[in-house]
Amino acid sequence: MSSNEKLLLSLHFNLVFVESSAVCNAIIRKQEGADMSKESFPLSKVYGLLEPGPVVLVSTAREGRANIMTLSWHTMMEFEPPLVGCVISNGDFTFDSLKASKECVINIPTVELSKQVVDCGNCSGRTVDKFKAFGLTPVAASCVDAPLIDECYANLECRVVDETMDAKYNLFILEVVKAWIDPEKKNPRTIHHLGEGAFMVAGETIHLPSKMK
């Protein structure tokens, strides 16, 4: 086969490949247009799809002053000892308190406290005593200076064990050093933030065969 024949054959194969690819892409686009019922979602609202929940109340104490903040950006990071990652804005009063004291309590409320949860999140501890303002009861913790919130069904006493990412990501890694739970609340219905004032309430519990811890 001459060089010209080889060149013509190569061009023919390339043309067939390009045409085939174009046909395939057109078919894919047509299928997507026909079957794709989803629509683009704003990136600024993605957090509402992935909120790990439940919404919690973080209590801190500094120089004899206790405070509460509402928090939904947190995640478990280790089984035992339990480690929890919390993102707390450096503009929040709690950020400075946690940086100074290295301690806090993660209090887990149920739907019955939803109004207090939202109220705590709508004001600043710089100007409001949230325990008094919203009728919440501080109870002395056993391992940290920050108080428990008595009305919450569970309370996790925590100490900061890693703050190397607080400047860049506002991320604190907390170790739970003591945990409390109200045995009278058998099926606590926690609340989960979906964004823009919308909350989902935990519902039915299902049990499936699983090897996960």
N, C-alpha and C. Protein backbone atom coordinates (compact mmCIF):
# COMPACT_ATOMS: atom_id res chain seq x y z
N MET A 1 0.86 -1.20 0.00
CA MET A 1 0.00 0.00 0.00
C MET A 1 0.89 1.24 0.00
N SER A 2 0.60 2.17 -0.93
CA SER A 2 1.43 3.37 -1.05
C SER A 2 1.17 4.31 0.11
N SER A 3 2.04 5.30 0.24
CA SER A 3 1.90 6.29 1.31
C SER A 3 0.60 7.06 1.16
N ASN A 4 0.23 7.40 -0.09
CA ASN A 4 -1.01 8.14 -0.31
C ASN A 4 -2.22 7.32 0.09
N GLU A 5 -2.18 6.01 -0.23
CA GLU A 5 -3.30 5.13 0.12
C GLU A 5 -3.43 5.02 1.65
N LYS A 6 -2.30 4.91 2.31
CA LYS A 6 -2.33 4.83 3.76
C LYS A 6 -2.91 6.11 4.36
N LEU A 7 -2.54 7.26 3.81
CA LEU A 7 -3.03 8.53 4.29
C LEU A 7 -4.54 8.64 4.11
N LEU A 8 -5.01 8.22 2.91
CA LEU A 8 -6.44 8.27 2.64
C LEU A 8 -7.22 7.34 3.57
N LEU A 9 -6.65 6.15 3.83
CA LEU A 9 -7.32 5.20 4.72
C LEU A 9 -7.38 5.75 6.15
N SER A 10 -6.30 6.39 6.60
CA SER A 10 -6.26 6.97 7.94
C SER A 10 -7.29 8.09 8.07
N LEU A 11 -7.39 8.93 7.02
CA LEU A 11 -8.36 10.01 7.04
C LEU A 11 -9.79 9.47 7.07
N HIS A 12 -10.00 8.36 6.35
CA HIS A 12 -11.33 7.75 6.32
C HIS A 12 -11.74 7.25 7.70
N PHE A 13 -10.80 6.56 8.38
CA PHE A 13 -11.10 6.05 9.72
C PHE A 13 -11.36 7.19 10.71
N ASN A 14 -10.56 8.25 10.60
CA ASN A 14 -10.75 9.39 11.50
C ASN A 14 -12.10 10.05 11.27
N LEU A 15 -12.50 10.16 10.02
CA LEU A 15 -13.79 10.76 9.69
C LEU A 15 -14.94 9.92 10.24
N VAL A 16 -14.82 8.60 10.07
CA VAL A 16 -15.85 7.70 10.60
C VAL A 16 -15.94 7.80 12.11
N PHE A 17 -14.77 7.90 12.77
CA PHE A 17 -14.74 8.00 14.24
C PHE A 17 -15.42 9.30 14.70
N VAL A 18 -15.08 10.41 14.02
CA VAL A 18 -15.66 11.70 14.39
C VAL A 18 -17.17 11.69 14.20
N GLU A 19 -17.60 11.11 13.06
CA GLU A 19 -19.04 11.05 12.79
C GLU A 19 -19.75 10.17 13.82
N SER A 20 -19.12 9.04 14.16
CA SER A 20 -19.73 8.14 15.15
C SER A 20 -19.83 8.82 16.51
N SER A 21 -18.78 9.54 16.90
CA SER A 21 -18.78 10.24 18.18
C SER A 21 -19.87 11.30 18.21
N ALA A 22 -20.01 12.01 17.10
CA ALA A 22 -21.03 13.06 17.03
C ALA A 22 -22.42 12.47 17.16
N VAL A 23 -22.64 11.31 16.51
CA VAL A 23 -23.94 10.65 16.59
C VAL A 23 -24.21 10.19 18.01
N CYS A 24 -23.18 9.58 18.66
CA CYS A 24 -23.34 9.11 20.04
C CYS A 24 -23.66 10.27 20.98
N ASN A 25 -22.93 11.39 20.82
CA ASN A 25 -23.17 12.54 21.69
C ASN A 25 -24.56 13.10 21.48
N ALA A 26 -25.01 13.11 20.23
CA ALA A 26 -26.35 13.61 19.93
C ALA A 26 -27.40 12.72 20.58
N ILE A 27 -27.17 11.39 20.54
CA ILE A 27 -28.10 10.45 21.16
C ILE A 27 -28.14 10.66 22.67
N ILE A 28 -26.95 10.83 23.27
CA ILE A 28 -26.88 11.04 24.72
C ILE A 28 -27.61 12.32 25.11
N ARG A 29 -27.36 13.40 24.32
CA ARG A 29 -28.03 14.66 24.63
C ARG A 29 -29.53 14.53 24.51
N LYS A 30 -29.97 13.79 23.48
CA LYS A 30 -31.41 13.59 23.27
C LYS A 30 -32.01 12.81 24.43
N GLN A 31 -31.28 11.75 24.88
CA GLN A 31 -31.77 10.96 26.00
C GLN A 31 -31.83 11.78 27.27
N GLU A 32 -30.78 12.60 27.49
CA GLU A 32 -30.78 13.43 28.68
C GLU A 32 -31.93 14.42 28.65
N GLY A 33 -32.17 14.97 27.48
CA GLY A 33 -33.27 15.92 27.36
C GLY A 33 -34.60 15.27 27.59
N ALA A 34 -34.72 13.99 27.20
CA ALA A 34 -36.00 13.30 27.33
C ALA A 34 -36.22 12.75 28.73
N ASP A 35 -35.12 12.25 29.36
CA ASP A 35 -35.27 11.53 30.62
C ASP A 35 -34.89 12.36 31.85
N MET A 36 -34.10 13.41 31.66
CA MET A 36 -33.57 14.18 32.78
C MET A 36 -34.65 15.11 33.32
N SER A 37 -35.23 14.75 34.46
CA SER A 37 -36.29 15.57 35.05
C SER A 37 -35.73 16.50 36.13
N LYS A 38 -34.43 16.40 36.42
CA LYS A 38 -33.81 17.22 37.45
C LYS A 38 -33.41 18.57 36.87
N GLU A 39 -33.22 19.53 37.74
CA GLU A 39 -32.80 20.86 37.32
C GLU A 39 -31.60 21.30 38.12
N SER A 40 -30.89 22.28 37.60
CA SER A 40 -29.70 22.80 38.27
C SER A 40 -30.08 23.37 39.63
N PHE A 41 -29.19 23.16 40.60
CA PHE A 41 -29.45 23.59 41.98
C PHE A 41 -28.39 24.61 42.39
N PRO A 42 -28.76 25.70 43.04
CA PRO A 42 -27.78 26.73 43.43
C PRO A 42 -26.71 26.19 44.37
N LEU A 43 -25.47 26.47 44.06
CA LEU A 43 -24.37 26.00 44.91
C LEU A 43 -24.47 26.59 46.31
N SER A 44 -25.02 27.79 46.42
CA SER A 44 -25.13 28.44 47.72
C SER A 44 -26.10 27.73 48.65
N LYS A 45 -26.89 26.78 48.13
CA LYS A 45 -27.87 26.08 48.94
C LYS A 45 -27.54 24.60 49.13
N VAL A 46 -26.37 24.18 48.66
CA VAL A 46 -25.97 22.77 48.76
C VAL A 46 -25.94 22.31 50.22
N TYR A 47 -25.54 23.21 51.12
CA TYR A 47 -25.44 22.82 52.54
C TYR A 47 -26.74 22.25 53.06
N GLY A 48 -27.86 22.72 52.54
CA GLY A 48 -29.15 22.25 53.00
C GLY A 48 -29.43 20.80 52.63
N LEU A 49 -28.71 20.30 51.62
CA LEU A 49 -28.86 18.90 51.21
C LEU A 49 -27.99 17.97 52.06
N LEU A 50 -26.90 18.52 52.59
CA LEU A 50 -25.92 17.69 53.28
C LEU A 50 -25.82 17.94 54.77
N GLU A 51 -26.65 18.82 55.33
CA GLU A 51 -26.58 19.07 56.75
C GLU A 51 -26.57 17.75 57.52
N PRO A 52 -25.52 17.49 58.28
CA PRO A 52 -25.47 16.21 59.00
C PRO A 52 -26.48 16.12 60.12
N GLY A 53 -26.83 17.26 60.71
CA GLY A 53 -27.82 17.28 61.78
C GLY A 53 -27.45 16.36 62.92
N PRO A 54 -28.17 16.34 64.00
CA PRO A 54 -29.25 17.27 64.30
C PRO A 54 -28.73 18.65 64.70
N VAL A 55 -29.63 19.62 64.68
CA VAL A 55 -29.26 20.94 65.18
C VAL A 55 -28.98 20.82 66.68
N VAL A 56 -27.90 21.44 67.12
CA VAL A 56 -27.52 21.35 68.54
C VAL A 56 -27.37 22.75 69.13
N LEU A 57 -27.31 22.79 70.44
CA LEU A 57 -27.05 24.03 71.17
C LEU A 57 -25.70 23.88 71.85
N VAL A 58 -24.75 24.72 71.50
CA VAL A 58 -23.41 24.66 72.09
C VAL A 58 -23.33 25.68 73.22
N SER A 59 -23.05 25.20 74.41
CA SER A 59 -22.91 26.10 75.56
C SER A 59 -21.44 26.25 75.93
N THR A 60 -21.08 27.47 76.25
CA THR A 60 -19.70 27.78 76.66
C THR A 60 -19.75 28.64 77.92
N ALA A 61 -18.60 28.77 78.56
CA ALA A 61 -18.49 29.66 79.73
C ALA A 61 -17.12 30.32 79.70
N ARG A 62 -17.14 31.63 79.94
CA ARG A 62 -15.87 32.37 79.96
C ARG A 62 -15.99 33.51 80.95
N GLU A 63 -15.07 33.54 81.88
CA GLU A 63 -15.04 34.60 82.90
C GLU A 63 -16.37 34.70 83.63
N GLY A 64 -16.95 33.53 83.95
CA GLY A 64 -18.18 33.49 84.72
C GLY A 64 -19.44 33.75 83.92
N ARG A 65 -19.32 33.90 82.61
CA ARG A 65 -20.48 34.19 81.78
C ARG A 65 -20.77 33.03 80.84
N ALA A 66 -21.97 32.48 80.96
CA ALA A 66 -22.36 31.35 80.11
C ALA A 66 -23.10 31.84 78.87
N ASN A 67 -22.96 31.09 77.79
CA ASN A 67 -23.61 31.47 76.54
C ASN A 67 -24.06 30.22 75.79
N ILE A 68 -24.98 30.43 74.86
CA ILE A 68 -25.49 29.34 74.02
C ILE A 68 -25.47 29.79 72.57
N MET A 69 -25.08 28.92 71.67
CA MET A 69 -25.23 29.19 70.25
C MET A 69 -25.89 28.00 69.57
N THR A 70 -26.64 28.28 68.52
CA THR A 70 -27.26 27.22 67.72
C THR A 70 -26.29 26.81 66.63
N LEU A 71 -26.14 25.49 66.44
CA LEU A 71 -25.14 24.98 65.49
C LEU A 71 -25.68 23.77 64.74
N SER A 72 -25.47 23.78 63.44
CA SER A 72 -25.84 22.61 62.65
C SER A 72 -24.67 22.06 61.83
N TRP A 73 -23.58 22.82 61.76
CA TRP A 73 -22.42 22.35 60.99
C TRP A 73 -21.46 21.59 61.90
N HIS A 74 -21.71 20.31 62.03
CA HIS A 74 -20.86 19.45 62.86
C HIS A 74 -20.88 18.04 62.28
N THR A 75 -19.88 17.25 62.63
CA THR A 75 -19.81 15.88 62.12
C THR A 75 -18.98 15.00 63.04
N MET A 76 -19.38 13.73 63.15
CA MET A 76 -18.58 12.77 63.90
C MET A 76 -17.30 12.46 63.13
N MET A 77 -16.19 12.30 63.86
CA MET A 77 -14.91 12.05 63.21
C MET A 77 -14.20 10.81 63.74
N GLU A 78 -14.63 10.30 64.89
CA GLU A 78 -14.03 9.10 65.45
C GLU A 78 -15.01 8.47 66.43
N PHE A 79 -14.94 7.10 66.51
CA PHE A 79 -15.84 6.39 67.41
C PHE A 79 -15.45 6.57 68.87
N GLU A 80 -14.20 6.16 69.20
CA GLU A 80 -13.78 6.19 70.60
C GLU A 80 -12.28 6.43 70.72
N PRO A 81 -11.87 7.49 71.43
CA PRO A 81 -12.78 8.44 72.06
C PRO A 81 -13.56 9.22 71.01
N PRO A 82 -14.80 9.57 71.32
CA PRO A 82 -15.61 10.28 70.32
C PRO A 82 -15.01 11.64 69.98
N LEU A 83 -14.82 11.87 68.70
CA LEU A 83 -14.34 13.16 68.22
C LEU A 83 -15.40 13.79 67.33
N VAL A 84 -15.62 15.07 67.53
CA VAL A 84 -16.63 15.80 66.77
C VAL A 84 -15.99 17.03 66.15
N GLY A 85 -16.20 17.22 64.86
CA GLY A 85 -15.74 18.44 64.20
C GLY A 85 -16.86 19.46 64.15
N CYS A 86 -16.57 20.69 64.56
CA CYS A 86 -17.58 21.75 64.57
C CYS A 86 -17.04 22.98 63.84
N VAL A 87 -17.83 23.51 62.94
CA VAL A 87 -17.49 24.75 62.25
C VAL A 87 -18.24 25.89 62.93
N ILE A 88 -17.48 26.81 63.51
CA ILE A 88 -18.06 27.95 64.23
C ILE A 88 -17.44 29.22 63.67
N SER A 89 -18.25 30.07 63.14
CA SER A 89 -17.75 31.29 62.50
C SER A 89 -16.93 32.14 63.46
N ASN A 90 -15.85 32.70 62.93
CA ASN A 90 -15.01 33.54 63.79
C ASN A 90 -15.69 34.86 64.15
N GLY A 91 -16.86 35.10 63.57
CA GLY A 91 -17.63 36.28 63.95
C GLY A 91 -18.59 36.02 65.09
N ASP A 92 -18.73 34.76 65.48
CA ASP A 92 -19.65 34.40 66.56
C ASP A 92 -18.99 34.61 67.92
N PHE A 93 -19.80 34.99 68.89
CA PHE A 93 -19.33 35.17 70.27
C PHE A 93 -18.74 33.87 70.80
N THR A 94 -19.33 32.75 70.42
CA THR A 94 -18.88 31.44 70.89
C THR A 94 -17.47 31.12 70.39
N PHE A 95 -17.10 31.61 69.22
CA PHE A 95 -15.76 31.34 68.69
C PHE A 95 -14.70 31.81 69.68
N ASP A 96 -14.82 33.04 70.13
CA ASP A 96 -13.84 33.59 71.08
C ASP A 96 -13.87 32.85 72.41
N SER A 97 -15.08 32.49 72.86
CA SER A 97 -15.20 31.77 74.13
C SER A 97 -14.54 30.41 74.06
N LEU A 98 -14.77 29.72 72.94
CA LEU A 98 -14.18 28.39 72.78
C LEU A 98 -12.67 28.46 72.62
N LYS A 99 -12.19 29.47 71.90
CA LYS A 99 -10.74 29.65 71.77
C LYS A 99 -10.09 29.87 73.12
N ALA A 100 -10.75 30.62 73.98
CA ALA A 100 -10.17 30.97 75.28
C ALA A 100 -10.28 29.84 76.30
N SER A 101 -11.45 29.19 76.34
CA SER A 101 -11.69 28.19 77.39
C SER A 101 -11.31 26.77 76.99
N LYS A 102 -11.32 26.49 75.67
CA LYS A 102 -11.03 25.14 75.14
C LYS A 102 -12.06 24.10 75.58
N GLU A 103 -13.22 24.55 76.02
CA GLU A 103 -14.25 23.63 76.50
C GLU A 103 -15.63 24.09 76.04
N CYS A 104 -16.55 23.12 75.94
CA CYS A 104 -17.94 23.45 75.65
C CYS A 104 -18.80 22.23 75.94
N VAL A 105 -20.10 22.40 75.82
CA VAL A 105 -21.03 21.29 75.90
C VAL A 105 -21.90 21.31 74.65
N ILE A 106 -21.98 20.18 73.97
CA ILE A 106 -22.91 20.04 72.85
C ILE A 106 -24.21 19.48 73.42
N ASN A 107 -25.24 20.29 73.40
CA ASN A 107 -26.55 19.90 73.93
C ASN A 107 -27.48 19.56 72.77
N ILE A 108 -28.14 18.43 72.83
CA ILE A 108 -28.98 17.98 71.72
C ILE A 108 -30.45 18.16 72.09
N PRO A 109 -31.11 19.13 71.46
CA PRO A 109 -32.52 19.38 71.77
C PRO A 109 -33.44 18.51 70.91
N THR A 110 -34.69 18.44 71.32
CA THR A 110 -35.72 17.77 70.52
C THR A 110 -36.68 18.83 69.98
N VAL A 111 -37.63 18.37 69.18
CA VAL A 111 -38.53 19.30 68.49
C VAL A 111 -39.29 20.20 69.45
N GLU A 112 -39.50 19.73 70.68
CA GLU A 112 -40.21 20.55 71.67
C GLU A 112 -39.48 21.86 71.97
N LEU A 113 -38.18 21.89 71.72
CA LEU A 113 -37.38 23.09 71.98
C LEU A 113 -37.08 23.88 70.71
N SER A 114 -37.79 23.60 69.64
CA SER A 114 -37.46 24.21 68.35
C SER A 114 -37.51 25.74 68.39
N LYS A 115 -38.47 26.30 69.11
CA LYS A 115 -38.55 27.77 69.17
C LYS A 115 -37.32 28.34 69.88
N GLN A 116 -36.93 27.73 70.99
CA GLN A 116 -35.74 28.21 71.69
C GLN A 116 -34.49 28.05 70.84
N VAL A 117 -34.43 26.96 70.07
CA VAL A 117 -33.28 26.73 69.19
C VAL A 117 -33.15 27.87 68.18
N VAL A 118 -34.26 28.23 67.55
CA VAL A 118 -34.24 29.31 66.56
C VAL A 118 -33.97 30.66 67.23
N ASP A 119 -34.58 30.89 68.39
CA ASP A 119 -34.36 32.15 69.10
C ASP A 119 -32.89 32.32 69.48
N CYS A 120 -32.27 31.25 69.93
CA CYS A 120 -30.85 31.32 70.30
C CYS A 120 -29.99 31.65 69.09
N GLY A 121 -30.40 31.18 67.93
CA GLY A 121 -29.64 31.43 66.73
C GLY A 121 -29.86 32.80 66.13
N ASN A 122 -30.91 33.48 66.58
CA ASN A 122 -31.27 34.78 66.00
C ASN A 122 -30.73 35.97 66.79
N CYS A 123 -29.95 35.71 67.82
CA CYS A 123 -29.38 36.82 68.59
C CYS A 123 -27.97 36.47 69.04
N SER A 124 -27.27 37.45 69.54
CA SER A 124 -25.87 37.26 69.94
C SER A 124 -25.72 37.24 71.45
N GLY A 125 -24.84 36.36 71.92
CA GLY A 125 -24.53 36.29 73.34
C GLY A 125 -23.78 37.51 73.84
N ARG A 126 -23.32 38.35 72.93
CA ARG A 126 -22.65 39.58 73.34
C ARG A 126 -23.62 40.53 74.05
N THR A 127 -24.87 40.43 73.65
CA THR A 127 -25.86 41.37 74.21
C THR A 127 -27.01 40.70 74.94
N VAL A 128 -27.15 39.37 74.82
CA VAL A 128 -28.29 38.67 75.39
C VAL A 128 -27.83 37.52 76.28
N ASP A 129 -28.42 37.42 77.48
CA ASP A 129 -28.23 36.25 78.33
C ASP A 129 -29.27 35.23 77.86
N LYS A 130 -28.85 34.28 77.05
CA LYS A 130 -29.80 33.39 76.38
C LYS A 130 -30.46 32.41 77.35
N PHE A 131 -29.78 32.03 78.41
CA PHE A 131 -30.42 31.16 79.40
C PHE A 131 -31.65 31.85 80.00
N LYS A 132 -31.48 33.10 80.40
CA LYS A 132 -32.58 33.84 81.00
C LYS A 132 -33.64 34.20 79.96
N ALA A 133 -33.18 34.68 78.81
CA ALA A 133 -34.11 35.18 77.80
C ALA A 133 -35.04 34.10 77.28
N PHE A 134 -34.55 32.85 77.19
CA PHE A 134 -35.34 31.80 76.55
C PHE A 134 -35.73 30.66 77.50
N GLY A 135 -35.60 30.93 78.80
CA GLY A 135 -36.09 29.99 79.79
C GLY A 135 -35.39 28.64 79.80
N LEU A 136 -34.09 28.65 79.59
CA LEU A 136 -33.31 27.40 79.60
C LEU A 136 -32.53 27.32 80.92
N THR A 137 -32.34 26.09 81.40
CA THR A 137 -31.76 25.87 82.72
C THR A 137 -30.32 25.38 82.64
N PRO A 138 -29.36 26.17 83.17
CA PRO A 138 -27.98 25.70 83.20
C PRO A 138 -27.75 24.72 84.35
N VAL A 139 -27.04 23.64 84.06
CA VAL A 139 -26.72 22.64 85.08
C VAL A 139 -25.21 22.42 85.04
N ALA A 140 -24.59 22.34 86.20
CA ALA A 140 -23.14 22.16 86.27
C ALA A 140 -22.71 20.85 85.61
N ALA A 141 -21.68 20.93 84.78
CA ALA A 141 -21.12 19.74 84.16
C ALA A 141 -20.13 19.09 85.12
N SER A 142 -19.70 17.87 84.78
CA SER A 142 -18.78 17.17 85.69
C SER A 142 -17.32 17.31 85.28
N CYS A 143 -17.05 17.60 84.02
CA CYS A 143 -15.66 17.62 83.56
C CYS A 143 -15.23 18.96 82.96
N VAL A 144 -16.19 19.82 82.62
CA VAL A 144 -15.86 21.11 82.01
C VAL A 144 -16.61 22.22 82.75
N ASP A 145 -16.18 23.45 82.52
CA ASP A 145 -16.81 24.59 83.19
C ASP A 145 -18.10 25.03 82.50
N ALA A 146 -18.21 24.74 81.21
CA ALA A 146 -19.43 25.12 80.48
C ALA A 146 -20.61 24.32 81.03
N PRO A 147 -21.80 24.95 81.12
CA PRO A 147 -22.96 24.26 81.70
C PRO A 147 -23.69 23.38 80.70
N LEU A 148 -24.36 22.35 81.24
CA LEU A 148 -25.31 21.58 80.45
C LEU A 148 -26.60 22.39 80.34
N ILE A 149 -27.40 22.09 79.31
CA ILE A 149 -28.75 22.65 79.22
C ILE A 149 -29.71 21.55 79.63
N ASP A 150 -30.36 21.74 80.76
CA ASP A 150 -31.16 20.68 81.37
C ASP A 150 -32.31 20.20 80.47
N GLU A 151 -32.90 21.10 79.70
CA GLU A 151 -34.05 20.75 78.88
C GLU A 151 -33.69 19.88 77.67
N CYS A 152 -32.43 19.80 77.32
CA CYS A 152 -32.01 18.98 76.17
C CYS A 152 -31.94 17.51 76.57
N TYR A 153 -32.25 16.63 75.63
CA TYR A 153 -32.32 15.21 76.00
C TYR A 153 -30.95 14.56 76.12
N ALA A 154 -29.92 15.16 75.51
CA ALA A 154 -28.56 14.63 75.63
C ALA A 154 -27.58 15.78 75.73
N ASN A 155 -26.47 15.54 76.43
CA ASN A 155 -25.45 16.57 76.64
C ASN A 155 -24.08 15.93 76.53
N LEU A 156 -23.21 16.53 75.75
CA LEU A 156 -21.87 16.00 75.53
C LEU A 156 -20.84 17.02 76.00
N GLU A 157 -20.15 16.70 77.08
CA GLU A 157 -19.10 17.59 77.58
C GLU A 157 -17.86 17.39 76.71
N CYS A 158 -17.32 18.51 76.22
CA CYS A 158 -16.24 18.41 75.22
C CYS A 158 -15.05 19.31 75.57
N ARG A 159 -13.88 18.86 75.11
CA ARG A 159 -12.68 19.68 75.17
C ARG A 159 -12.09 19.78 73.77
N VAL A 160 -11.53 20.93 73.45
CA VAL A 160 -10.88 21.13 72.16
C VAL A 160 -9.57 20.34 72.15
N VAL A 161 -9.39 19.49 71.14
CA VAL A 161 -8.15 18.72 71.04
C VAL A 161 -7.34 19.12 69.80
N ASP A 162 -7.94 19.87 68.91
CA ASP A 162 -7.21 20.31 67.71
C ASP A 162 -7.87 21.59 67.21
N GLU A 163 -7.09 22.67 67.20
CA GLU A 163 -7.60 23.94 66.68
C GLU A 163 -6.69 24.48 65.59
N THR A 164 -5.95 23.58 64.94
CA THR A 164 -5.02 24.01 63.90
C THR A 164 -5.74 24.48 62.64
N MET A 165 -7.02 24.16 62.53
CA MET A 165 -7.76 24.56 61.32
C MET A 165 -8.79 25.64 61.59
N ASP A 166 -8.75 26.22 62.80
CA ASP A 166 -9.76 27.23 63.11
C ASP A 166 -9.55 28.53 62.35
N ALA A 167 -8.31 28.89 62.08
CA ALA A 167 -8.05 30.14 61.38
C ALA A 167 -8.48 30.07 59.91
N LYS A 168 -8.22 28.94 59.27
CA LYS A 168 -8.52 28.81 57.85
C LYS A 168 -9.96 28.37 57.60
N TYR A 169 -10.45 27.42 58.41
CA TYR A 169 -11.78 26.85 58.16
C TYR A 169 -12.79 27.07 59.30
N ASN A 170 -12.37 27.75 60.36
CA ASN A 170 -13.24 27.91 61.55
C ASN A 170 -13.63 26.54 62.13
N LEU A 171 -12.75 25.57 61.97
CA LEU A 171 -13.04 24.19 62.38
C LEU A 171 -12.33 23.84 63.68
N PHE A 172 -13.13 23.39 64.64
CA PHE A 172 -12.60 22.90 65.92
C PHE A 172 -12.85 21.40 66.00
N ILE A 173 -11.85 20.65 66.47
CA ILE A 173 -12.03 19.22 66.72
C ILE A 173 -12.19 19.05 68.22
N LEU A 174 -13.32 18.49 68.62
CA LEU A 174 -13.66 18.33 70.03
C LEU A 174 -13.65 16.86 70.42
N GLU A 175 -13.16 16.58 71.60
CA GLU A 175 -13.27 15.23 72.17
C GLU A 175 -14.37 15.24 73.23
N VAL A 176 -15.28 14.29 73.10
CA VAL A 176 -16.33 14.15 74.11
C VAL A 176 -15.74 13.41 75.31
N VAL A 177 -15.73 14.08 76.45
CA VAL A 177 -15.11 13.48 77.65
C VAL A 177 -16.16 12.94 78.62
N LYS A 178 -17.41 13.34 78.43
CA LYS A 178 -18.50 12.83 79.27
C LYS A 178 -19.80 13.02 78.51
N ALA A 179 -20.66 12.01 78.54
CA ALA A 179 -21.94 12.08 77.83
C ALA A 179 -23.08 11.76 78.78
N TRP A 180 -24.16 12.51 78.62
CA TRP A 180 -25.36 12.33 79.44
C TRP A 180 -26.57 12.17 78.53
N ILE A 181 -27.55 11.39 78.97
CA ILE A 181 -28.78 11.22 78.20
C ILE A 181 -29.96 11.04 79.14
N ASP A 182 -31.12 11.55 78.74
CA ASP A 182 -32.33 11.42 79.54
C ASP A 182 -32.99 10.08 79.22
N PRO A 183 -32.98 9.12 80.15
CA PRO A 183 -33.53 7.79 79.87
C PRO A 183 -35.04 7.78 79.68
N GLU A 184 -35.70 8.86 80.10
CA GLU A 184 -37.15 8.93 79.96
C GLU A 184 -37.59 9.22 78.54
N LYS A 185 -36.70 9.78 77.73
CA LYS A 185 -37.04 10.10 76.34
C LYS A 185 -36.62 8.95 75.45
N LYS A 186 -37.57 8.07 75.15
CA LYS A 186 -37.27 6.84 74.42
C LYS A 186 -37.10 7.07 72.91
N ASN A 187 -37.89 7.98 72.35
CA ASN A 187 -37.83 8.24 70.90
C ASN A 187 -37.69 9.73 70.65
N PRO A 188 -36.51 10.27 70.96
CA PRO A 188 -36.33 11.72 70.79
C PRO A 188 -36.42 12.12 69.32
N ARG A 189 -37.20 13.16 69.05
CA ARG A 189 -37.37 13.66 67.69
C ARG A 189 -36.52 14.92 67.54
N THR A 190 -35.35 14.75 66.98
CA THR A 190 -34.45 15.87 66.79
C THR A 190 -34.86 16.66 65.55
N ILE A 191 -34.29 17.88 65.43
CA ILE A 191 -34.59 18.71 64.27
C ILE A 191 -33.34 18.90 63.43
N HIS A 192 -33.53 19.01 62.13
CA HIS A 192 -32.42 19.08 61.17
C HIS A 192 -32.65 20.25 60.23
N HIS A 193 -31.65 21.09 60.12
CA HIS A 193 -31.78 22.34 59.36
C HIS A 193 -31.65 22.09 57.86
N LEU A 194 -32.61 22.62 57.10
CA LEU A 194 -32.59 22.49 55.65
C LEU A 194 -32.24 23.80 54.96
N GLY A 195 -32.09 24.84 55.74
CA GLY A 195 -31.75 26.15 55.19
C GLY A 195 -32.94 27.09 55.14
N GLU A 196 -32.65 28.39 55.29
CA GLU A 196 -33.64 29.44 55.15
C GLU A 196 -34.87 29.23 56.03
N GLY A 197 -34.63 28.84 57.27
CA GLY A 197 -35.71 28.70 58.23
C GLY A 197 -36.52 27.42 58.13
N ALA A 198 -36.11 26.51 57.26
CA ALA A 198 -36.82 25.23 57.12
C ALA A 198 -36.10 24.15 57.92
N PHE A 199 -36.88 23.33 58.63
CA PHE A 199 -36.32 22.26 59.44
C PHE A 199 -37.08 20.96 59.18
N MET A 200 -36.36 19.86 59.24
CA MET A 200 -36.96 18.54 59.13
C MET A 200 -36.91 17.89 60.50
N VAL A 201 -37.99 17.23 60.88
CA VAL A 201 -38.06 16.56 62.17
C VAL A 201 -37.78 15.08 61.97
N ALA A 202 -36.89 14.53 62.79
CA ALA A 202 -36.58 13.10 62.69
C ALA A 202 -37.85 12.28 62.90
N GLY A 203 -38.01 11.24 62.10
CA GLY A 203 -39.23 10.46 62.17
C GLY A 203 -38.99 9.01 62.52
N GLU A 204 -39.54 8.14 61.69
CA GLU A 204 -39.51 6.70 61.96
C GLU A 204 -38.10 6.14 61.92
N THR A 205 -37.80 5.24 62.84
CA THR A 205 -36.52 4.53 62.86
C THR A 205 -36.72 3.14 62.25
N ILE A 206 -35.84 2.78 61.31
CA ILE A 206 -35.91 1.44 60.71
C ILE A 206 -34.64 0.68 61.05
N HIS A 207 -34.74 -0.64 61.12
CA HIS A 207 -33.58 -1.47 61.44
C HIS A 207 -33.32 -2.44 60.29
N LEU A 208 -32.10 -2.42 59.77
CA LEU A 208 -31.71 -3.26 58.65
C LEU A 208 -30.43 -4.03 59.00
N PRO A 209 -30.23 -5.21 58.42
CA PRO A 209 -28.98 -5.95 58.67
C PRO A 209 -27.79 -5.11 58.23
N SER A 210 -26.84 -4.90 59.11
CA SER A 210 -25.70 -4.05 58.77
C SER A 210 -24.47 -4.47 59.58
N LYS A 211 -23.32 -4.38 58.93
CA LYS A 211 -22.06 -4.66 59.62
C LYS A 211 -21.44 -3.39 60.15
N MET A 212 -22.07 -2.26 59.90
CA MET A 212 -21.54 -0.99 60.40
C MET A 212 -21.73 -0.90 61.90
N LYS A 213 -20.80 -0.24 62.55
CA LYS A 213 -20.85 -0.11 64.01
C LYS A 213 -22.05 0.72 64.43
